[in-house]
């Protein structure tokens, strides 16, 4: 398995601890309609969890509008019924 290659951290996504290294995969699934995605991703960038090599995915309601973030670029979106998956990359 890969469990020895993974680290799970229980934390408030808006107040993340400082990262010792950036994550290879970031998956965000905030409660729909609460406008928590943007502040959580901004906090992850600020704490060093996201870098240029991070693969960033987020699930939101398909009707949710993702507000622009200077730190991240929307690369692609896929809609599946009431859900939307968005892929981000770190802005240059």
Protein backbone atom coordinates (compact mmCIF):
# COMPACT_ATOMS: atom_id res chain seq x y z
CA UNK A 1 0.00 0.00 0.00
CA UNK A 2 0.87 3.65 0.06
CA UNK A 3 -0.12 4.44 3.64
CA UNK A 4 3.54 4.76 4.61
CA UNK A 5 3.85 7.50 1.96
CA UNK A 6 0.87 9.53 3.23
CA UNK A 7 0.36 11.86 6.13
CA UNK A 8 -3.10 12.77 7.40
CA UNK A 9 -3.43 15.88 9.50
CA UNK A 10 -6.59 16.85 11.36
CA UNK A 11 -6.81 20.62 11.30
CA UNK A 12 -9.11 23.54 10.63
CA UNK A 13 -8.60 24.26 6.92
CA UNK A 14 -8.67 28.00 7.53
CA UNK A 15 -5.90 27.79 10.17
CA UNK A 16 -3.46 25.21 8.85
CA UNK A 17 -0.14 24.51 10.56
CA UNK A 18 3.00 25.44 8.65
CA UNK A 19 3.90 22.72 6.16
CA UNK A 20 7.27 20.98 6.33
CA UNK A 21 6.89 20.37 2.58
CA UNK A 22 4.19 21.05 -0.01
CA UNK A 23 1.56 18.40 -0.67
CA UNK A 24 1.64 16.48 -3.93
CA UNK A 25 -2.16 16.20 -3.94
CA UNK A 26 -4.61 18.65 -2.39
CA UNK A 27 -8.31 17.75 -2.43
CA UNK A 28 -10.76 20.26 -0.97
CA UNK A 29 -14.41 19.36 -0.38
CA UNK A 30 -15.90 22.17 1.68
CA UNK A 31 -19.61 22.27 2.59
CA UNK A 32 -21.61 23.47 -0.40
CA UNK A 33 -22.74 27.09 -0.43
CA UNK A 34 -20.61 28.21 2.54
CA UNK A 35 -17.92 30.14 0.58
CA UNK A 36 -15.12 28.27 2.38
CA UNK A 37 -13.16 27.02 -0.63
CA UNK A 38 -11.35 30.23 -1.47
CA UNK A 39 -10.19 31.07 2.10
CA UNK A 40 -9.12 27.44 2.65
CA UNK A 41 -7.00 27.35 -0.51
CA UNK A 42 -5.49 30.76 0.23
CA UNK A 43 -4.61 29.51 3.73
CA UNK A 44 -3.03 26.36 2.24
CA UNK A 45 -0.84 28.46 -0.07
CA UNK A 46 0.16 30.80 2.79
CA UNK A 47 1.09 27.86 5.05
CA UNK A 48 3.25 26.27 2.34
CA UNK A 49 0.99 23.29 1.61
CA UNK A 50 0.64 24.21 -2.08
CA UNK A 51 3.50 24.83 -4.48
CA UNK A 52 3.95 24.74 -8.28
CA UNK A 53 4.09 20.92 -8.27
CA UNK A 54 0.90 20.39 -6.22
CA UNK A 55 -2.08 18.78 -7.96
CA UNK A 56 -5.08 20.71 -6.61
CA UNK A 57 -8.69 19.54 -6.94
CA UNK A 58 -11.81 20.90 -5.31
CA UNK A 59 -15.41 19.70 -5.21
CA UNK A 60 -18.16 22.31 -4.98
CA UNK A 61 -21.81 22.58 -5.90
CA UNK A 62 -22.16 23.00 -9.65
CA UNK A 63 -23.98 26.31 -9.05
CA UNK A 64 -21.21 27.70 -6.78
CA UNK A 65 -19.17 30.47 -8.38
CA UNK A 66 -15.47 30.28 -7.50
CA UNK A 67 -14.17 33.73 -6.73
CA UNK A 68 -10.84 34.71 -8.33
CA UNK A 69 -7.78 34.15 -6.15
CA UNK A 70 -4.49 35.84 -7.08
CA UNK A 71 -2.55 32.80 -5.79
CA UNK A 72 -4.36 30.20 -7.94
CA UNK A 73 -5.50 29.73 -11.51
CA UNK A 74 -8.53 27.65 -12.53
CA UNK A 75 -7.20 25.13 -15.07
CA UNK A 76 -10.31 23.07 -15.78
CA UNK A 77 -13.82 22.35 -14.48
CA UNK A 78 -15.96 19.22 -14.78
CA UNK A 79 -19.66 19.15 -13.81
CA UNK A 80 -21.43 16.02 -12.64
CA UNK A 81 -25.07 16.66 -11.77
CA UNK A 82 -25.11 18.89 -8.69
CA UNK A 83 -21.33 18.70 -8.20
CA UNK A 84 -18.40 20.41 -9.89
CA UNK A 85 -14.74 19.39 -9.76
CA UNK A 86 -12.22 22.16 -10.36
CA UNK A 87 -8.50 21.77 -11.01
CA UNK A 88 -6.26 24.60 -9.92
CA UNK A 89 -2.60 25.44 -10.35
CA UNK A 90 -0.41 27.88 -8.49
CA UNK A 91 -0.22 31.27 -10.20
CA UNK A 92 3.24 32.19 -11.51
